Amino acid sequence: MAGTIVYLLAFDRIPQLDGLGRPKAFYSRRVHDTCYRRPNYDAGLFVESFDDENAKRGYCLYKVGCRGPVTYNACAVTRWNNGVSYPIQSGHGCIGCSEANFWDNGPFYQHLTNFPGFGIETTADKIGVALGAATAVGITAHALATNILKRGKIGENLVEIKPEGGSHA
């Protein structure tokens, strides 16, 4: 509220709003994008339960229900309690409280089964191996097709070169 009021006083207009009528200055980025645990998500390092060693290491909370990948809010930037903390920093996943129909979306910790991307456990190495294999298959298919076409052309040329009219015995 304070940020919106200051904006209104400074610019004599309301700030730009998102589709839900929220100020874009605070609701234009996903919690996931500004989370300090994001590198662990990208690396495939996840907490399996709230009391495992990975939780103590600061691994990503996605598998225990964090809704940060689908929640737009400035929690990781603003931090609450006078800038001290926010739920993820306190060891709890984002519950998506700033999203439309928050209370009507079922269990807070419903797993996000249709999150876009390569899958939460895919690492850069796995993607690289898959792309390398696809490239090798493509190169092999191209080489085979080229050789088949070349043999066909060579066969056509040999038929044209063959002398007419008998043998030289």
N, C-alpha and C. Protein backbone atom coordinates (compact mmCIF):
# COMPACT_ATOMS: atom_id res chain seq x y z
N MET A 1 0.82 -1.19 0.00
CA MET A 1 0.00 0.00 0.00
C MET A 1 0.86 1.26 0.00
N ALA A 2 1.87 1.25 0.82
CA ALA A 2 2.71 2.45 0.93
C ALA A 2 3.35 2.79 -0.41
N GLY A 3 3.85 1.79 -1.12
CA GLY A 3 4.47 2.02 -2.42
C GLY A 3 3.49 2.61 -3.42
N THR A 4 2.26 2.13 -3.42
CA THR A 4 1.24 2.64 -4.33
C THR A 4 0.87 4.07 -3.98
N ILE A 5 0.74 4.37 -2.71
CA ILE A 5 0.40 5.73 -2.27
C ILE A 5 1.53 6.70 -2.63
N VAL A 6 2.76 6.31 -2.40
CA VAL A 6 3.90 7.16 -2.75
C VAL A 6 3.93 7.41 -4.26
N TYR A 7 3.68 6.38 -5.05
CA TYR A 7 3.64 6.54 -6.51
C TYR A 7 2.56 7.54 -6.90
N LEU A 8 1.38 7.39 -6.33
CA LEU A 8 0.27 8.28 -6.61
C LEU A 8 0.62 9.73 -6.26
N LEU A 9 1.24 9.94 -5.12
CA LEU A 9 1.63 11.29 -4.71
C LEU A 9 2.74 11.86 -5.59
N ALA A 10 3.69 11.02 -5.98
CA ALA A 10 4.83 11.49 -6.78
C ALA A 10 4.45 11.76 -8.24
N PHE A 11 3.61 10.93 -8.83
CA PHE A 11 3.31 11.05 -10.26
C PHE A 11 1.88 11.50 -10.56
N ASP A 12 1.09 11.71 -9.54
CA ASP A 12 -0.29 12.17 -9.67
C ASP A 12 -1.14 11.24 -10.55
N ARG A 13 -0.87 9.98 -10.48
CA ARG A 13 -1.66 8.95 -11.19
C ARG A 13 -1.38 7.61 -10.54
N ILE A 14 -2.27 6.66 -10.77
CA ILE A 14 -2.04 5.33 -10.21
C ILE A 14 -1.00 4.61 -11.07
N PRO A 15 -0.26 3.68 -10.49
CA PRO A 15 0.75 2.95 -11.27
C PRO A 15 0.09 2.01 -12.27
N GLN A 16 0.87 1.53 -13.21
CA GLN A 16 0.38 0.56 -14.19
C GLN A 16 -0.05 -0.71 -13.45
N LEU A 17 -1.21 -1.27 -13.86
CA LEU A 17 -1.77 -2.43 -13.17
C LEU A 17 -1.72 -3.67 -14.04
N ASP A 18 -1.70 -4.84 -13.40
CA ASP A 18 -1.75 -6.10 -14.14
C ASP A 18 -3.22 -6.48 -14.37
N GLY A 19 -3.45 -7.65 -14.92
CA GLY A 19 -4.80 -8.11 -15.24
C GLY A 19 -5.71 -8.30 -14.04
N LEU A 20 -5.13 -8.39 -12.85
CA LEU A 20 -5.93 -8.55 -11.64
C LEU A 20 -6.08 -7.23 -10.88
N GLY A 21 -5.60 -6.12 -11.49
CA GLY A 21 -5.71 -4.82 -10.85
C GLY A 21 -4.65 -4.54 -9.81
N ARG A 22 -3.55 -5.28 -9.84
CA ARG A 22 -2.47 -5.10 -8.88
C ARG A 22 -1.37 -4.24 -9.51
N PRO A 23 -0.66 -3.43 -8.74
CA PRO A 23 0.43 -2.63 -9.30
C PRO A 23 1.55 -3.53 -9.86
N LYS A 24 1.89 -3.31 -11.14
CA LYS A 24 2.93 -4.13 -11.77
C LYS A 24 4.29 -4.00 -11.09
N ALA A 25 4.51 -2.88 -10.43
CA ALA A 25 5.78 -2.70 -9.73
C ALA A 25 6.02 -3.80 -8.70
N PHE A 26 4.93 -4.36 -8.18
CA PHE A 26 5.04 -5.38 -7.14
C PHE A 26 4.58 -6.77 -7.60
N TYR A 27 3.86 -6.83 -8.70
CA TYR A 27 3.25 -8.10 -9.11
C TYR A 27 3.57 -8.48 -10.56
N SER A 28 4.69 -8.07 -11.09
CA SER A 28 5.01 -8.38 -12.48
C SER A 28 5.98 -9.55 -12.62
N ARG A 29 6.59 -9.98 -11.53
CA ARG A 29 7.54 -11.09 -11.59
C ARG A 29 7.09 -12.21 -10.67
N ARG A 30 7.43 -13.44 -11.07
CA ARG A 30 7.08 -14.58 -10.24
C ARG A 30 7.99 -14.63 -9.01
N VAL A 31 7.48 -15.11 -7.93
CA VAL A 31 8.28 -15.31 -6.72
C VAL A 31 9.48 -16.20 -7.08
N HIS A 32 9.25 -17.17 -7.91
CA HIS A 32 10.27 -18.11 -8.37
C HIS A 32 11.47 -17.40 -9.02
N ASP A 33 11.20 -16.33 -9.77
CA ASP A 33 12.26 -15.65 -10.51
C ASP A 33 13.20 -14.85 -9.62
N THR A 34 12.75 -14.47 -8.44
CA THR A 34 13.59 -13.68 -7.54
C THR A 34 13.99 -14.45 -6.28
N CYS A 35 13.67 -15.72 -6.24
CA CYS A 35 13.96 -16.55 -5.07
C CYS A 35 15.44 -16.91 -5.01
N TYR A 36 16.02 -16.80 -3.84
CA TYR A 36 17.44 -17.15 -3.69
C TYR A 36 17.67 -18.66 -3.83
N ARG A 37 16.60 -19.46 -3.76
CA ARG A 37 16.72 -20.91 -3.94
C ARG A 37 16.62 -21.32 -5.40
N ARG A 38 16.37 -20.38 -6.30
CA ARG A 38 16.18 -20.68 -7.72
C ARG A 38 17.35 -21.45 -8.34
N PRO A 39 18.60 -21.12 -8.05
CA PRO A 39 19.70 -21.90 -8.63
C PRO A 39 19.61 -23.39 -8.28
N ASN A 40 19.10 -23.71 -7.10
CA ASN A 40 18.93 -25.11 -6.73
C ASN A 40 17.83 -25.77 -7.56
N TYR A 41 16.77 -25.02 -7.86
CA TYR A 41 15.71 -25.53 -8.75
C TYR A 41 16.32 -25.86 -10.11
N ASP A 42 17.09 -24.91 -10.66
CA ASP A 42 17.71 -25.10 -11.97
C ASP A 42 18.67 -26.28 -11.98
N ALA A 43 19.30 -26.53 -10.85
CA ALA A 43 20.26 -27.64 -10.75
C ALA A 43 19.58 -28.96 -10.39
N GLY A 44 18.28 -28.94 -10.15
CA GLY A 44 17.56 -30.16 -9.79
C GLY A 44 17.76 -30.59 -8.35
N LEU A 45 18.04 -29.63 -7.46
CA LEU A 45 18.28 -29.93 -6.05
C LEU A 45 17.05 -29.52 -5.24
N PHE A 46 16.33 -30.51 -4.71
CA PHE A 46 15.05 -30.25 -4.06
C PHE A 46 14.96 -30.82 -2.65
N VAL A 47 14.14 -30.18 -1.85
CA VAL A 47 13.78 -30.67 -0.53
C VAL A 47 12.73 -31.76 -0.75
N GLU A 48 12.90 -32.91 -0.11
CA GLU A 48 11.94 -34.00 -0.24
C GLU A 48 10.92 -33.97 0.90
N SER A 49 11.32 -33.44 2.05
CA SER A 49 10.42 -33.23 3.18
C SER A 49 10.99 -32.07 3.99
N PHE A 50 10.15 -31.44 4.79
CA PHE A 50 10.58 -30.24 5.51
C PHE A 50 11.68 -30.51 6.52
N ASP A 51 11.87 -31.76 6.92
CA ASP A 51 12.87 -32.02 7.94
C ASP A 51 14.11 -32.74 7.40
N ASP A 52 14.28 -32.79 6.09
CA ASP A 52 15.47 -33.48 5.57
C ASP A 52 16.68 -32.53 5.52
N GLU A 53 17.83 -33.09 5.28
CA GLU A 53 19.07 -32.31 5.24
C GLU A 53 19.06 -31.27 4.12
N ASN A 54 18.36 -31.58 3.02
CA ASN A 54 18.32 -30.64 1.90
C ASN A 54 17.60 -29.35 2.29
N ALA A 55 16.65 -29.43 3.18
CA ALA A 55 15.97 -28.22 3.67
C ALA A 55 16.97 -27.32 4.40
N LYS A 56 17.85 -27.93 5.16
CA LYS A 56 18.86 -27.17 5.89
C LYS A 56 19.90 -26.56 4.94
N ARG A 57 20.10 -27.19 3.79
CA ARG A 57 21.06 -26.70 2.80
C ARG A 57 20.47 -25.59 1.92
N GLY A 58 19.18 -25.32 2.06
CA GLY A 58 18.55 -24.27 1.27
C GLY A 58 18.12 -24.69 -0.11
N TYR A 59 17.90 -26.00 -0.31
CA TYR A 59 17.46 -26.48 -1.62
C TYR A 59 16.05 -25.98 -1.92
N CYS A 60 15.64 -26.12 -3.17
CA CYS A 60 14.34 -25.64 -3.65
C CYS A 60 13.19 -26.39 -2.97
N LEU A 61 12.13 -25.66 -2.66
CA LEU A 61 10.97 -26.20 -1.94
C LEU A 61 9.84 -26.65 -2.87
N TYR A 62 10.08 -26.69 -4.16
CA TYR A 62 9.03 -27.03 -5.13
C TYR A 62 8.34 -28.36 -4.82
N LYS A 63 9.12 -29.39 -4.53
CA LYS A 63 8.54 -30.73 -4.32
C LYS A 63 7.70 -30.84 -3.05
N VAL A 64 7.85 -29.90 -2.14
CA VAL A 64 7.03 -29.93 -0.94
C VAL A 64 5.88 -28.92 -1.03
N GLY A 65 5.59 -28.48 -2.26
CA GLY A 65 4.40 -27.68 -2.50
C GLY A 65 4.58 -26.21 -2.75
N CYS A 66 5.79 -25.72 -2.93
CA CYS A 66 5.99 -24.30 -3.17
C CYS A 66 5.27 -23.87 -4.46
N ARG A 67 4.49 -22.81 -4.37
CA ARG A 67 3.75 -22.29 -5.52
C ARG A 67 4.45 -21.08 -6.15
N GLY A 68 5.70 -20.85 -5.79
CA GLY A 68 6.47 -19.73 -6.34
C GLY A 68 6.51 -19.67 -7.86
N PRO A 69 6.59 -20.82 -8.56
CA PRO A 69 6.64 -20.76 -10.03
C PRO A 69 5.37 -20.22 -10.69
N VAL A 70 4.26 -20.15 -9.96
CA VAL A 70 3.01 -19.64 -10.56
C VAL A 70 2.43 -18.46 -9.79
N THR A 71 3.21 -17.88 -8.90
CA THR A 71 2.73 -16.77 -8.08
C THR A 71 3.50 -15.50 -8.41
N TYR A 72 2.76 -14.45 -8.71
CA TYR A 72 3.36 -13.15 -9.01
C TYR A 72 3.28 -12.27 -7.77
N ASN A 73 4.46 -11.94 -7.23
CA ASN A 73 4.53 -11.11 -6.04
C ASN A 73 5.98 -10.69 -5.84
N ALA A 74 6.21 -9.69 -5.03
CA ALA A 74 7.56 -9.19 -4.76
C ALA A 74 8.10 -9.66 -3.41
N CYS A 75 7.62 -10.78 -2.92
CA CYS A 75 8.02 -11.27 -1.59
C CYS A 75 9.53 -11.37 -1.43
N ALA A 76 10.21 -11.95 -2.42
CA ALA A 76 11.65 -12.17 -2.29
C ALA A 76 12.43 -10.86 -2.35
N VAL A 77 11.84 -9.83 -2.93
CA VAL A 77 12.50 -8.54 -3.02
C VAL A 77 12.14 -7.66 -1.82
N THR A 78 10.86 -7.57 -1.52
CA THR A 78 10.37 -6.71 -0.44
C THR A 78 10.72 -7.28 0.93
N ARG A 79 10.53 -8.56 1.08
CA ARG A 79 10.66 -9.25 2.36
C ARG A 79 9.74 -8.60 3.38
N TRP A 80 9.20 -9.38 4.24
CA TRP A 80 8.25 -8.87 5.23
C TRP A 80 8.93 -8.75 6.59
N ASN A 81 8.20 -8.32 7.56
CA ASN A 81 8.74 -8.13 8.92
C ASN A 81 9.92 -7.17 8.89
N ASN A 82 9.67 -5.99 8.33
CA ASN A 82 10.71 -4.95 8.22
C ASN A 82 11.89 -5.40 7.36
N GLY A 83 11.62 -6.13 6.31
CA GLY A 83 12.65 -6.55 5.38
C GLY A 83 13.51 -7.69 5.87
N VAL A 84 13.06 -8.40 6.87
CA VAL A 84 13.87 -9.45 7.47
C VAL A 84 13.70 -10.80 6.75
N SER A 85 12.46 -11.14 6.38
CA SER A 85 12.23 -12.49 5.88
C SER A 85 10.96 -12.57 5.06
N TYR A 86 10.77 -13.70 4.44
CA TYR A 86 9.52 -14.05 3.76
C TYR A 86 9.38 -15.56 3.88
N PRO A 87 8.22 -16.15 3.54
CA PRO A 87 8.00 -17.57 3.82
C PRO A 87 9.10 -18.51 3.35
N ILE A 88 9.59 -18.34 2.13
CA ILE A 88 10.61 -19.26 1.61
C ILE A 88 11.90 -19.16 2.41
N GLN A 89 12.29 -17.97 2.76
CA GLN A 89 13.50 -17.78 3.56
C GLN A 89 13.33 -18.40 4.94
N SER A 90 12.10 -18.45 5.40
CA SER A 90 11.82 -19.05 6.71
C SER A 90 11.70 -20.57 6.63
N GLY A 91 11.87 -21.12 5.43
CA GLY A 91 11.83 -22.57 5.27
C GLY A 91 10.48 -23.12 4.86
N HIS A 92 9.56 -22.27 4.47
CA HIS A 92 8.23 -22.70 4.07
C HIS A 92 8.00 -22.30 2.62
N GLY A 93 7.40 -23.14 1.83
CA GLY A 93 7.12 -22.82 0.44
C GLY A 93 6.09 -21.72 0.29
N CYS A 94 6.12 -21.06 -0.85
CA CYS A 94 5.13 -20.02 -1.18
C CYS A 94 3.76 -20.69 -1.28
N ILE A 95 2.74 -20.05 -0.71
CA ILE A 95 1.39 -20.62 -0.78
C ILE A 95 0.53 -19.90 -1.82
N GLY A 96 1.10 -18.97 -2.55
CA GLY A 96 0.38 -18.31 -3.62
C GLY A 96 -0.72 -17.37 -3.15
N CYS A 97 -0.53 -16.73 -2.03
CA CYS A 97 -1.60 -15.93 -1.42
C CYS A 97 -1.99 -14.71 -2.23
N SER A 98 -1.18 -14.28 -3.18
CA SER A 98 -1.51 -13.08 -3.95
C SER A 98 -2.23 -13.40 -5.26
N GLU A 99 -2.48 -14.66 -5.52
CA GLU A 99 -3.11 -15.04 -6.79
C GLU A 99 -4.63 -15.06 -6.69
N ALA A 100 -5.27 -14.93 -7.85
CA ALA A 100 -6.73 -14.95 -7.91
C ALA A 100 -7.26 -16.27 -7.37
N ASN A 101 -8.38 -16.21 -6.69
CA ASN A 101 -9.04 -17.40 -6.14
C ASN A 101 -8.13 -18.21 -5.22
N PHE A 102 -7.26 -17.52 -4.51
CA PHE A 102 -6.32 -18.20 -3.62
C PHE A 102 -7.02 -19.21 -2.71
N TRP A 103 -8.09 -18.81 -2.09
CA TRP A 103 -8.78 -19.70 -1.15
C TRP A 103 -9.54 -20.81 -1.85
N ASP A 104 -9.85 -20.64 -3.12
CA ASP A 104 -10.65 -21.62 -3.84
C ASP A 104 -9.84 -22.58 -4.70
N ASN A 105 -8.54 -22.49 -4.64
CA ASN A 105 -7.69 -23.31 -5.49
C ASN A 105 -7.36 -24.67 -4.90
N GLY A 106 -8.12 -25.16 -3.95
CA GLY A 106 -7.84 -26.46 -3.36
C GLY A 106 -6.75 -26.36 -2.32
N PRO A 107 -6.10 -27.49 -2.04
CA PRO A 107 -5.05 -27.50 -1.01
C PRO A 107 -3.93 -26.54 -1.36
N PHE A 108 -3.42 -25.86 -0.35
CA PHE A 108 -2.33 -24.93 -0.58
C PHE A 108 -1.12 -25.61 -1.21
N TYR A 109 -0.90 -26.85 -0.88
CA TYR A 109 0.31 -27.52 -1.31
C TYR A 109 0.07 -28.50 -2.45
N GLN A 110 -0.94 -28.23 -3.24
CA GLN A 110 -1.22 -29.08 -4.40
C GLN A 110 -0.02 -29.00 -5.34
N HIS A 111 0.46 -30.15 -5.74
CA HIS A 111 1.65 -30.20 -6.60
C HIS A 111 1.32 -29.64 -7.97
N LEU A 112 2.22 -28.88 -8.53
CA LEU A 112 2.01 -28.25 -9.83
C LEU A 112 2.38 -29.24 -10.92
N THR A 113 1.42 -30.00 -11.40
CA THR A 113 1.73 -31.07 -12.35
C THR A 113 1.92 -30.59 -13.77
N ASN A 114 1.40 -29.43 -14.13
CA ASN A 114 1.53 -28.99 -15.51
C ASN A 114 2.43 -27.77 -15.65
N PHE A 115 3.43 -27.65 -14.79
CA PHE A 115 4.36 -26.54 -14.89
C PHE A 115 5.18 -26.69 -16.16
N PRO A 116 5.24 -25.65 -17.01
CA PRO A 116 5.95 -25.77 -18.29
C PRO A 116 7.45 -25.89 -18.09
N GLY A 117 8.10 -26.48 -19.05
CA GLY A 117 9.55 -26.60 -19.02
C GLY A 117 9.99 -28.02 -19.31
N PHE A 118 11.21 -28.33 -18.99
CA PHE A 118 11.78 -29.63 -19.28
C PHE A 118 11.48 -30.66 -18.20
N GLY A 119 10.84 -30.27 -17.14
CA GLY A 119 10.64 -31.17 -16.01
C GLY A 119 11.55 -30.74 -14.88
N ILE A 120 11.07 -30.85 -13.69
CA ILE A 120 11.80 -30.27 -12.58
C ILE A 120 13.10 -31.00 -12.25
N GLU A 121 13.28 -32.22 -12.74
CA GLU A 121 14.50 -32.93 -12.42
C GLU A 121 15.48 -32.98 -13.58
N THR A 122 15.18 -32.28 -14.67
CA THR A 122 16.07 -32.26 -15.81
C THR A 122 17.19 -31.27 -15.55
N THR A 123 18.42 -31.73 -15.74
CA THR A 123 19.57 -30.85 -15.55
C THR A 123 20.11 -30.45 -16.92
N ALA A 124 21.00 -29.48 -16.93
CA ALA A 124 21.61 -29.03 -18.17
C ALA A 124 22.37 -30.17 -18.84
N ASP A 125 22.98 -31.05 -18.06
CA ASP A 125 23.70 -32.19 -18.64
C ASP A 125 22.75 -33.12 -19.39
N LYS A 126 21.58 -33.41 -18.81
CA LYS A 126 20.61 -34.29 -19.47
C LYS A 126 20.08 -33.65 -20.75
N ILE A 127 19.82 -32.36 -20.70
CA ILE A 127 19.34 -31.67 -21.89
C ILE A 127 20.42 -31.68 -22.97
N GLY A 128 21.67 -31.44 -22.56
CA GLY A 128 22.79 -31.45 -23.51
C GLY A 128 22.98 -32.81 -24.17
N VAL A 129 22.88 -33.87 -23.39
CA VAL A 129 23.01 -35.22 -23.95
C VAL A 129 21.88 -35.50 -24.94
N ALA A 130 20.66 -35.11 -24.59
CA ALA A 130 19.53 -35.32 -25.49
C ALA A 130 19.70 -34.54 -26.78
N LEU A 131 20.13 -33.29 -26.69
CA LEU A 131 20.36 -32.49 -27.90
C LEU A 131 21.51 -33.05 -28.73
N GLY A 132 22.56 -33.51 -28.06
CA GLY A 132 23.68 -34.12 -28.78
C GLY A 132 23.26 -35.38 -29.52
N ALA A 133 22.45 -36.22 -28.87
CA ALA A 133 21.97 -37.44 -29.52
C ALA A 133 21.08 -37.10 -30.70
N ALA A 134 20.20 -36.11 -30.54
CA ALA A 134 19.33 -35.70 -31.65
C ALA A 134 20.15 -35.17 -32.81
N THR A 135 21.21 -34.42 -32.52
CA THR A 135 22.08 -33.90 -33.57
C THR A 135 22.78 -35.05 -34.31
N ALA A 136 23.28 -36.03 -33.56
CA ALA A 136 23.96 -37.18 -34.18
C ALA A 136 23.00 -37.96 -35.08
N VAL A 137 21.78 -38.15 -34.64
CA VAL A 137 20.78 -38.85 -35.46
C VAL A 137 20.51 -38.06 -36.73
N GLY A 138 20.38 -36.75 -36.61
CA GLY A 138 20.13 -35.90 -37.78
C GLY A 138 21.28 -35.94 -38.77
N ILE A 139 22.51 -35.89 -38.28
CA ILE A 139 23.69 -35.94 -39.17
C ILE A 139 23.75 -37.29 -39.87
N THR A 140 23.49 -38.37 -39.14
CA THR A 140 23.51 -39.71 -39.73
C THR A 140 22.43 -39.85 -40.81
N ALA A 141 21.24 -39.39 -40.50
CA ALA A 141 20.15 -39.46 -41.49
C ALA A 141 20.49 -38.65 -42.73
N HIS A 142 21.08 -37.49 -42.56
CA HIS A 142 21.47 -36.66 -43.70
C HIS A 142 22.54 -37.36 -44.54
N ALA A 143 23.53 -37.94 -43.88
CA ALA A 143 24.60 -38.63 -44.60
C ALA A 143 24.05 -39.81 -45.40
N LEU A 144 23.18 -40.60 -44.79
CA LEU A 144 22.58 -41.74 -45.50
C LEU A 144 21.76 -41.28 -46.70
N ALA A 145 20.93 -40.28 -46.51
CA ALA A 145 20.11 -39.78 -47.61
C ALA A 145 20.98 -39.24 -48.74
N THR A 146 22.04 -38.52 -48.40
CA THR A 146 22.94 -37.97 -49.41
C THR A 146 23.62 -39.09 -50.19
N ASN A 147 24.09 -40.13 -49.51
CA ASN A 147 24.76 -41.25 -50.20
C ASN A 147 23.79 -42.01 -51.10
N ILE A 148 22.57 -42.20 -50.67
CA ILE A 148 21.58 -42.89 -51.50
C ILE A 148 21.31 -42.07 -52.76
N LEU A 149 21.16 -40.78 -52.63
CA LEU A 149 20.93 -39.92 -53.79
C LEU A 149 22.13 -39.92 -54.73
N LYS A 150 23.35 -39.87 -54.14
CA LYS A 150 24.56 -39.89 -54.97
C LYS A 150 24.67 -41.20 -55.75
N ARG A 151 24.38 -42.32 -55.12
CA ARG A 151 24.45 -43.61 -55.81
C ARG A 151 23.45 -43.67 -56.96
N GLY A 152 22.27 -43.11 -56.72
CA GLY A 152 21.26 -43.06 -57.78
C GLY A 152 21.75 -42.24 -58.96
N LYS A 153 22.36 -41.08 -58.71
CA LYS A 153 22.90 -40.23 -59.78
C LYS A 153 24.04 -40.92 -60.51
N ILE A 154 24.93 -41.58 -59.76
CA ILE A 154 26.06 -42.29 -60.37
C ILE A 154 25.53 -43.40 -61.27
N GLY A 155 24.53 -44.14 -60.81
CA GLY A 155 23.93 -45.21 -61.62
C GLY A 155 23.32 -44.66 -62.90
N GLU A 156 22.65 -43.52 -62.83
CA GLU A 156 22.07 -42.90 -64.02
C GLU A 156 23.16 -42.49 -65.00
N ASN A 157 24.25 -41.94 -64.50
CA ASN A 157 25.36 -41.51 -65.36
C ASN A 157 26.04 -42.69 -66.02
N LEU A 158 26.18 -43.82 -65.35
CA LEU A 158 26.82 -45.00 -65.93
C LEU A 158 25.97 -45.55 -67.08
N VAL A 159 24.69 -45.52 -66.93
CA VAL A 159 23.81 -46.00 -68.01
C VAL A 159 23.98 -45.13 -69.23
N GLU A 160 24.13 -43.81 -69.05
CA GLU A 160 24.30 -42.90 -70.16
C GLU A 160 25.65 -43.07 -70.83
N ILE A 161 26.70 -43.44 -70.14
CA ILE A 161 28.06 -43.57 -70.68
C ILE A 161 28.23 -44.89 -71.43
N LYS A 162 27.51 -45.92 -71.11
CA LYS A 162 27.66 -47.24 -71.67
C LYS A 162 27.54 -47.14 -73.22
N PRO A 163 28.53 -47.66 -73.94
CA PRO A 163 28.51 -47.56 -75.40
C PRO A 163 27.36 -48.38 -76.01
N GLU A 164 26.82 -47.87 -77.10
CA GLU A 164 25.76 -48.59 -77.79
C GLU A 164 26.34 -49.54 -78.80
N GLY A 165 25.68 -50.61 -78.98
CA GLY A 165 26.01 -51.51 -80.09
C GLY A 165 27.03 -52.58 -79.80
N GLY A 166 27.00 -53.28 -78.86
CA GLY A 166 27.75 -54.52 -78.77
C GLY A 166 29.04 -54.46 -78.02
N SER A 167 29.80 -55.58 -78.17
CA SER A 167 31.01 -55.76 -77.40
C SER A 167 32.23 -55.56 -78.25
N HIS A 168 33.40 -55.53 -77.65
CA HIS A 168 34.69 -55.31 -78.33
C HIS A 168 35.52 -56.59 -78.37
N ALA A 169 35.08 -57.65 -78.61
CA ALA A 169 35.85 -58.86 -78.52
C ALA A 169 36.70 -59.13 -79.67
